[in-house]
C-alpha cells in the first residue's frame, strides 16, 4: 500500500509498504481522509516532537476510513462502518508509525471485545486509542472529509474540560488558527460570558469573529494588554495559548486576574524558557494540556456529535483545502508556506 513517509532529514515521499495485519479484536480500515496536524505532523517533519526519534516515520493521526475486514472476535464494528482514528500499530518495512494514517490502510480496535476477552486496560494487547476509535453513524451530519475535523474537535473539548473552564467567566484565546478557532467556538457554546481572540492576521481575526468571539484583535497593530485591561480592569479569568509560542506565557502573566489561569495547549518547538511573573497577581495557575487522553477524547465524542447534528457546529467551516492523496506533498508545501487563509487541510 502507499503511505506518506518522512525521513530523518525531513524529506517527504510516498512509498510502498506492506498492508497492516490485524488481530481477532481488530478491524482493517481503508482510509478515506486524514487531516494535517501542525502540532504533530509538522513537528515530526522538523524533528521537534518530544521523545520521538525513530525515523523514517509514517505520518498522519487524524484519519477517517471504512472498515473493510474484521477479526474473528469483533462484535461492535462492521464492514462499511465509517470510523475515526485508525492507526498503524507496528513498524512496517523499517518505517515507524508516526501514527500512520496517511496510508491506504490502517487498523482500529473493538474496545468492547478486548475487554470481554480479558484484554482490557492494563493488559499487553490493550491500547487506550480503542476508546476513541468511534463510529460515525449514517444519520450523523458529516462525511468522511468533515469527520477528520472531529478528531481536533474532541481533542480541544477534552482539553477544555481538563482546564476546567466555567460558564459566565471570561477568556482570552491567543491565536486564531484551527485550534484557536475551536477554543473560541466551544467556549461560547459552553457558556463563557466573554471570549476575546487574537491573531496577527486580519483574515484570522475575521474568522474568530465568525466563530463567535465577542472581541477579536490584531495584535500586530494594537496593545493587547491595554485592550484587555480596558474591558477587564482586574484582568481576565483564563488566557489560552493556542499557538505554542513560549513568549505568550509571560505575556499572559500581565493579563490574568487574581486566581486566574494560563492554559497552554499549543506545543512550542522550544521546550524551555525563563518564566517572569513579576507582573502576575500573587495567586495564579499555569497548566499544560498538550497530550490528549484518548479516553477523554472518546468521552467528548457525544457532545461534539450533538453540536454537529444540531447544526451549531460545521466541520467544513474549519477546513480550507482538500487534496487527493497523490497531491499530499503539495498540501504539506502549503502548510510550510503558512498562508493566513489556510485553515485545516
Protein backbone atom coordinates (compact mmCIF):
# COMPACT_ATOMS: atom_id res chain seq x y z
CA UNK A 1 0.00 0.00 0.00
CA UNK A 2 1.03 3.63 -0.43
CA UNK A 3 2.00 5.72 2.62
CA UNK A 4 3.49 9.13 3.36
CA UNK A 5 6.98 8.76 4.82
CA UNK A 6 9.29 11.36 6.35
CA UNK A 7 12.99 10.53 6.65
CA UNK A 8 15.44 11.78 9.28
CA UNK A 9 16.27 14.79 7.07
CA UNK A 10 12.65 15.95 7.00
CA UNK A 11 12.13 14.86 3.38
CA UNK A 12 8.66 13.62 2.44
CA UNK A 13 7.87 10.90 -0.07
CA UNK A 14 5.09 8.49 -0.98
CA UNK A 15 6.37 4.92 -0.67
CA UNK A 16 5.05 1.39 -0.96
CA UNK A 17 4.91 -0.53 2.32
CA UNK A 18 3.14 -3.69 3.46
CA UNK A 19 -0.55 -3.58 4.32
CA UNK A 20 -1.02 -3.93 8.10
CA UNK A 21 -2.12 -7.16 9.73
CA UNK A 22 -4.83 -7.13 12.40
CA UNK A 23 -5.79 -9.23 15.40
CA UNK A 24 -9.00 -11.04 16.36
CA UNK A 25 -10.39 -7.96 18.16
CA UNK A 26 -9.36 -5.54 15.43
CA UNK A 27 -10.59 -4.39 12.03
CA UNK A 28 -8.80 -3.35 8.86
CA UNK A 29 -9.76 0.12 7.66
CA UNK A 30 -9.35 1.71 4.23
CA UNK A 31 -8.58 5.40 4.76
CA UNK A 32 -10.86 7.99 3.15
CA UNK A 33 -9.44 11.19 4.67
CA UNK A 34 -6.79 12.47 7.06
CA UNK A 35 -6.20 15.97 8.39
CA UNK A 36 -2.80 17.63 8.62
CA UNK A 37 -1.88 18.46 12.22
CA UNK A 38 0.54 21.33 12.85
CA UNK A 39 1.01 20.07 16.39
CA UNK A 40 2.13 16.59 15.38
CA UNK A 41 2.85 16.09 11.68
CA UNK A 42 4.93 19.23 11.16
CA UNK A 43 6.88 18.65 14.36
CA UNK A 44 7.67 15.09 13.29
CA UNK A 45 8.93 16.50 9.99
CA UNK A 46 11.16 19.04 11.75
CA UNK A 47 12.26 16.56 14.44
CA UNK A 48 10.88 18.72 17.25
CA UNK A 49 8.26 16.25 18.53
CA UNK A 50 9.18 15.43 22.11
CA UNK A 51 10.64 11.92 22.64
CA UNK A 52 10.16 10.80 19.02
CA UNK A 53 13.47 9.87 17.42
CA UNK A 54 12.85 6.79 15.23
CA UNK A 55 12.92 7.58 11.50
CA UNK A 56 11.80 7.03 8.78
CA UNK A 57 8.27 7.57 10.07
CA UNK A 58 4.77 7.21 8.63
CA UNK A 59 2.81 10.41 9.21
CA UNK A 60 -0.86 11.07 10.00
CA UNK A 61 -3.03 10.79 13.09
CA UNK A 62 -6.31 12.48 12.11
CA UNK A 63 -7.59 9.70 9.89
CA UNK A 64 -11.08 8.53 8.94
CA UNK A 65 -11.89 5.39 6.99
CA UNK A 66 -14.22 2.47 6.26
CA UNK A 67 -13.99 -0.94 7.85
CA UNK A 68 -13.22 -3.48 5.10
CA UNK A 69 -12.39 -6.58 7.18
CA UNK A 70 -12.97 -7.64 10.78
CA UNK A 71 -11.27 -10.05 13.17
CA UNK A 72 -13.00 -13.19 14.39
CA UNK A 73 -13.85 -11.76 17.84
CA UNK A 74 -15.03 -8.31 16.71
CA UNK A 75 -18.61 -7.59 17.80
CA UNK A 76 -19.10 -3.83 17.57
CA UNK A 77 -17.54 -3.00 14.21
CA UNK A 78 -18.96 -3.98 10.84
CA UNK A 79 -17.80 -3.82 7.25
CA UNK A 80 -18.80 -0.43 5.87
CA UNK A 81 -18.65 1.44 9.20
CA UNK A 82 -17.03 4.88 9.00
CA UNK A 83 -14.56 5.09 11.90
CA UNK A 84 -12.23 7.66 13.43
CA UNK A 85 -8.55 7.34 14.35
CA UNK A 86 -7.31 4.23 12.55
CA UNK A 87 -3.60 3.86 13.26
CA UNK A 88 -0.68 1.68 12.26
CA UNK A 89 0.46 -0.08 15.41
CA UNK A 90 3.64 -1.81 14.26
CA UNK A 91 6.84 -0.90 12.46
CA UNK A 92 6.49 -1.76 8.78
CA UNK A 93 9.30 -2.18 6.24
CA UNK A 94 11.64 -0.27 8.55
CA UNK A 95 9.20 2.63 8.99
CA UNK A 96 7.91 3.65 12.43
CA UNK A 97 4.29 4.75 12.77
CA UNK A 98 4.06 8.48 13.44
CA UNK A 99 0.56 7.15 13.95
CA UNK A 100 0.46 6.26 10.26
CA UNK A 101 -2.93 7.43 9.00
CA UNK A 102 -1.51 8.93 5.79
CA UNK A 103 -1.67 5.47 4.28
CA UNK A 104 -4.16 3.43 2.29
CA UNK A 105 -4.94 1.11 5.21
CA UNK A 106 -4.72 1.16 8.99
CA UNK A 107 -6.24 -0.65 11.98
CA UNK A 108 -8.84 0.03 14.69
CA UNK A 109 -9.68 -1.98 17.79
CA UNK A 110 -13.04 -3.07 19.17
CA UNK A 111 -12.69 -1.85 22.77
CA UNK A 112 -15.69 -3.84 23.98
CA UNK A 113 -14.37 -7.08 22.51
CA UNK A 114 -10.93 -6.53 24.01
CA UNK A 115 -12.48 -6.08 27.44
CA UNK A 116 -14.83 -9.05 27.10
CA UNK A 117 -11.93 -11.31 26.14
CA UNK A 118 -9.77 -10.27 29.08
CA UNK A 119 -7.51 -7.91 27.14
CA UNK A 120 -8.74 -4.58 28.54
CA UNK A 121 -6.86 -1.75 30.26
CA UNK A 122 -3.63 -2.85 31.92
CA UNK A 123 -3.01 -5.79 29.61
CA UNK A 124 -0.31 -6.06 26.95
CA UNK A 125 -2.69 -6.07 23.98
CA UNK A 126 -4.70 -3.02 25.07
CA UNK A 127 -4.39 0.48 23.63
CA UNK A 128 -6.28 3.45 25.06
CA UNK A 129 -6.78 4.58 21.46
CA UNK A 130 -9.51 1.96 21.09
CA UNK A 131 -11.72 4.09 23.34
CA UNK A 132 -11.56 6.96 20.83
CA UNK A 133 -11.94 4.99 17.60
CA UNK A 134 -15.58 5.97 17.33
CA UNK A 135 -18.09 5.16 14.60
CA UNK A 136 -19.69 7.95 12.56
CA UNK A 137 -23.31 6.89 12.13
CA UNK A 138 -25.15 7.11 8.78
CA UNK A 139 -27.53 9.70 10.26
CA UNK A 140 -24.69 11.93 11.51
CA UNK A 141 -24.47 15.18 9.56
CA UNK A 142 -20.93 14.87 8.26
CA UNK A 143 -18.99 12.97 5.62
CA UNK A 144 -15.52 11.43 5.74
CA UNK A 145 -13.80 14.74 5.00
CA UNK A 146 -15.67 16.67 7.67
CA UNK A 147 -15.22 13.79 10.10
CA UNK A 148 -11.44 14.28 10.08
CA UNK A 149 -12.07 17.61 11.82
CA UNK A 150 -13.96 15.82 14.60
CA UNK A 151 -10.64 14.48 15.87
CA UNK A 152 -9.37 18.02 16.52
CA UNK A 153 -12.76 18.99 17.95
CA UNK A 154 -12.61 16.18 20.50
CA UNK A 155 -9.02 16.94 21.46
CA UNK A 156 -9.86 20.58 22.11
CA UNK A 157 -13.07 19.84 24.01
CA UNK A 158 -11.31 17.28 26.21
CA UNK A 159 -8.61 19.88 26.93
CA UNK A 160 -11.26 22.48 27.79
CA UNK A 161 -12.67 20.03 30.32
CA UNK A 162 -9.19 19.45 31.76
CA UNK A 163 -8.61 23.20 32.07
CA UNK A 164 -11.95 23.39 33.90
CA UNK A 165 -13.39 26.47 32.21
CA UNK A 166 -16.51 27.68 33.98
CA UNK A 167 -19.66 29.27 32.48
CA UNK A 168 -20.08 33.03 32.86
CA UNK A 169 -16.34 33.58 33.20
CA UNK A 170 -14.12 35.29 30.63
CA UNK A 171 -11.31 34.03 28.41
CA UNK A 172 -8.63 35.33 26.06
CA UNK A 173 -7.55 32.97 23.25
CA UNK A 174 -4.14 33.76 21.78
CA UNK A 175 -4.10 32.52 18.18
CA UNK A 176 -6.86 32.02 15.62
CA UNK A 177 -5.61 29.03 13.68
CA UNK A 178 -7.79 25.89 13.58
CA UNK A 179 -7.16 25.16 17.28
CA UNK A 180 -7.73 28.75 18.39
CA UNK A 181 -10.97 28.88 16.40
CA UNK A 182 -12.10 25.64 18.08
CA UNK A 183 -11.43 27.13 21.51
CA UNK A 184 -13.31 30.29 20.53
CA UNK A 185 -16.34 28.40 19.22
CA UNK A 186 -16.53 25.86 22.05
CA UNK A 187 -16.05 28.33 24.89
CA UNK A 188 -19.02 30.31 23.61
CA UNK A 189 -21.10 27.14 23.18
CA UNK A 190 -20.21 26.18 26.76
CA UNK A 191 -21.50 29.45 28.17
CA UNK A 192 -18.46 31.61 28.83
CA UNK A 193 -19.54 35.21 29.13
CA UNK A 194 -16.83 36.94 27.10
CA UNK A 195 -14.30 35.40 24.71
CA UNK A 196 -11.55 37.55 23.21
CA UNK A 197 -9.44 36.08 20.39
CA UNK A 198 -6.23 37.49 18.94
CA UNK A 199 -4.00 36.89 15.94
CA UNK A 200 -1.56 38.82 13.75
CA UNK A 201 -3.63 38.23 10.59
CA UNK A 202 -6.71 40.27 9.68
CA UNK A 203 -8.20 37.21 7.94
CA UNK A 204 -7.87 35.12 11.08
CA UNK A 205 -9.25 37.91 13.26
CA UNK A 206 -12.29 38.00 10.97
CA UNK A 207 -12.61 34.20 11.22
CA UNK A 208 -12.58 34.44 15.02
CA UNK A 209 -15.49 36.88 14.91
CA UNK A 210 -17.38 34.45 12.68
CA UNK A 211 -16.80 31.74 15.28
CA UNK A 212 -18.44 33.85 17.96
CA UNK A 213 -15.63 35.83 19.57
CA UNK A 214 -17.08 38.79 21.44
CA UNK A 215 -13.92 40.75 20.65
CA UNK A 216 -11.11 39.98 18.21
CA UNK A 217 -7.89 41.95 17.88
CA UNK A 218 -4.94 42.01 15.51
CA UNK A 219 -2.05 42.19 17.97
CA UNK A 220 0.36 43.44 15.30
CA UNK A 221 -1.47 46.78 15.31
CA UNK A 222 -2.77 47.09 18.88
CA UNK A 223 -1.66 46.82 22.50
CA UNK A 224 -3.48 43.70 23.67
CA UNK A 225 -2.76 44.34 27.35
CA UNK A 226 -4.37 47.78 27.06
CA UNK A 227 -7.36 46.31 25.22
CA UNK A 228 -7.88 43.56 27.81
CA UNK A 229 -7.44 45.93 30.76
CA UNK A 230 -9.91 48.33 29.18
CA UNK A 231 -12.51 45.54 29.14
CA UNK A 232 -11.40 43.85 32.38
CA UNK A 233 -9.51 46.25 34.66
CA UNK A 234 -8.77 43.47 37.16
CA UNK A 235 -7.59 41.04 34.48
CA UNK A 236 -9.22 38.06 32.80
CA UNK A 237 -10.06 34.60 34.18
CA UNK A 238 -8.28 32.49 31.53
CA UNK A 239 -5.62 33.04 28.88
CA UNK A 240 -5.20 30.24 26.32
CA UNK A 241 -2.01 29.74 24.32
CA UNK A 242 -3.45 28.08 21.22
CA UNK A 243 -0.28 28.63 19.18
CA UNK A 244 2.72 27.23 21.03
CA UNK A 245 4.91 30.32 21.47
CA UNK A 246 6.68 30.44 24.82
CA UNK A 247 6.71 34.24 24.95
CA UNK A 248 2.91 34.17 25.16
CA UNK A 249 3.15 32.62 28.63
CA UNK A 250 5.00 35.62 30.03
CA UNK A 251 2.66 37.95 28.16
CA UNK A 252 -0.29 36.19 29.77
CA UNK A 253 1.13 36.92 33.24
CA UNK A 254 0.15 40.55 32.81
CA UNK A 255 -3.36 39.71 31.61
CA UNK A 256 -4.79 37.24 34.12
CA UNK A 257 -6.72 38.24 37.21
CA UNK A 258 -6.10 37.10 40.79
CA UNK A 259 -6.56 33.29 40.84
CA UNK A 260 -6.60 33.30 37.03
CA UNK A 261 -5.26 30.51 34.86
CA UNK A 262 -2.87 30.37 31.91
CA UNK A 263 -3.86 27.40 29.73
CA UNK A 264 -1.10 26.08 27.45
CA UNK A 265 -2.38 23.89 24.63
CA UNK A 266 -0.13 24.86 21.73
CA UNK A 267 3.18 23.00 21.66
CA UNK A 268 6.29 25.13 21.26
CA UNK A 269 9.28 23.69 19.38
CA UNK A 270 11.41 25.09 22.24
CA UNK A 271 10.75 23.10 25.40
CA UNK A 272 12.18 25.55 27.90
CA UNK A 273 12.01 29.22 28.87
CA UNK A 274 12.53 31.65 31.73
CA UNK A 275 9.27 32.49 33.47
CA UNK A 276 8.82 36.08 34.64
CA UNK A 277 5.85 36.50 36.96
CA UNK A 278 6.78 40.00 38.09
CA UNK A 279 3.59 41.43 36.57
CA UNK A 280 1.35 38.49 37.55
CA UNK A 281 -1.03 38.55 40.51
CA UNK A 282 0.11 36.77 43.67
CA UNK A 283 -2.07 33.74 43.01
CA UNK A 284 -2.33 32.19 39.55
CA UNK A 285 -2.15 28.81 37.81
CA UNK A 286 -0.12 27.67 34.81
CA UNK A 287 -1.49 24.44 33.33
CA UNK A 288 -0.25 22.48 30.33
CA UNK A 289 -2.57 20.10 28.45
CA UNK A 290 -0.58 19.01 25.41
CA UNK A 291 -1.14 15.26 25.21
CA UNK A 292 -4.81 14.44 24.69
CA UNK A 293 -6.14 11.46 26.61
CA UNK A 294 -7.78 9.07 24.17
CA UNK A 295 -10.25 8.01 26.84
CA UNK A 296 -11.26 11.64 27.35
CA UNK A 297 -11.46 12.17 23.59
CA UNK A 298 -13.87 9.26 23.42
CA UNK A 299 -15.94 10.80 26.20
CA UNK A 300 -16.07 14.11 24.27
CA UNK A 301 -17.45 12.43 21.15
CA UNK A 302 -21.13 12.59 22.15
CA UNK A 303 -21.06 16.34 22.79
CA UNK A 304 -19.25 17.08 19.53
CA UNK A 305 -21.69 14.98 17.51
CA UNK A 306 -24.63 16.61 19.29
CA UNK A 307 -23.38 20.06 18.25
CA UNK A 308 -22.82 18.89 14.67
CA UNK A 309 -26.21 17.21 14.38
CA UNK A 310 -27.95 20.25 15.88
CA UNK A 311 -26.33 22.41 13.21
CA UNK A 312 -24.42 24.68 15.59
CA UNK A 313 -21.01 23.24 14.62
CA UNK A 314 -20.00 22.65 11.00
CA UNK A 315 -16.68 20.85 10.43
CA UNK A 316 -16.34 22.34 6.95
CA UNK A 317 -16.12 25.85 8.45
CA UNK A 318 -12.68 24.86 9.74
CA UNK A 319 -11.34 23.26 6.54
CA UNK A 320 -9.84 25.48 3.83
CA UNK A 321 -8.31 22.99 1.38
CA UNK A 322 -8.92 19.38 0.32
CA UNK A 323 -6.26 17.43 -1.61
CA UNK A 324 -6.19 13.99 -3.19
CA UNK A 325 -3.60 11.70 -1.63
CA UNK A 326 -1.48 11.94 -4.79
CA UNK A 327 -1.18 15.69 -4.09
CA UNK A 328 -0.14 15.29 -0.46
CA UNK A 329 3.33 16.74 -1.00
CA UNK A 330 1.67 19.90 -2.36
CA UNK A 331 -0.54 20.00 0.74
CA UNK A 332 2.45 19.93 3.09
CA UNK A 333 4.21 22.57 0.99
CA UNK A 334 1.17 24.80 1.55
CA UNK A 335 1.39 24.18 5.30
CA UNK A 336 5.05 25.24 5.28
CA UNK A 337 4.11 28.49 3.49
CA UNK A 338 1.88 29.40 6.47
CA UNK A 339 -0.59 31.40 4.38
CA UNK A 340 -3.03 33.29 6.65
CA UNK A 341 -6.06 31.99 4.75
CA UNK A 342 -5.08 28.37 5.34
CA UNK A 343 -7.13 26.59 7.98
CA UNK A 344 -7.22 22.80 8.15
CA UNK A 345 -6.04 20.67 5.24
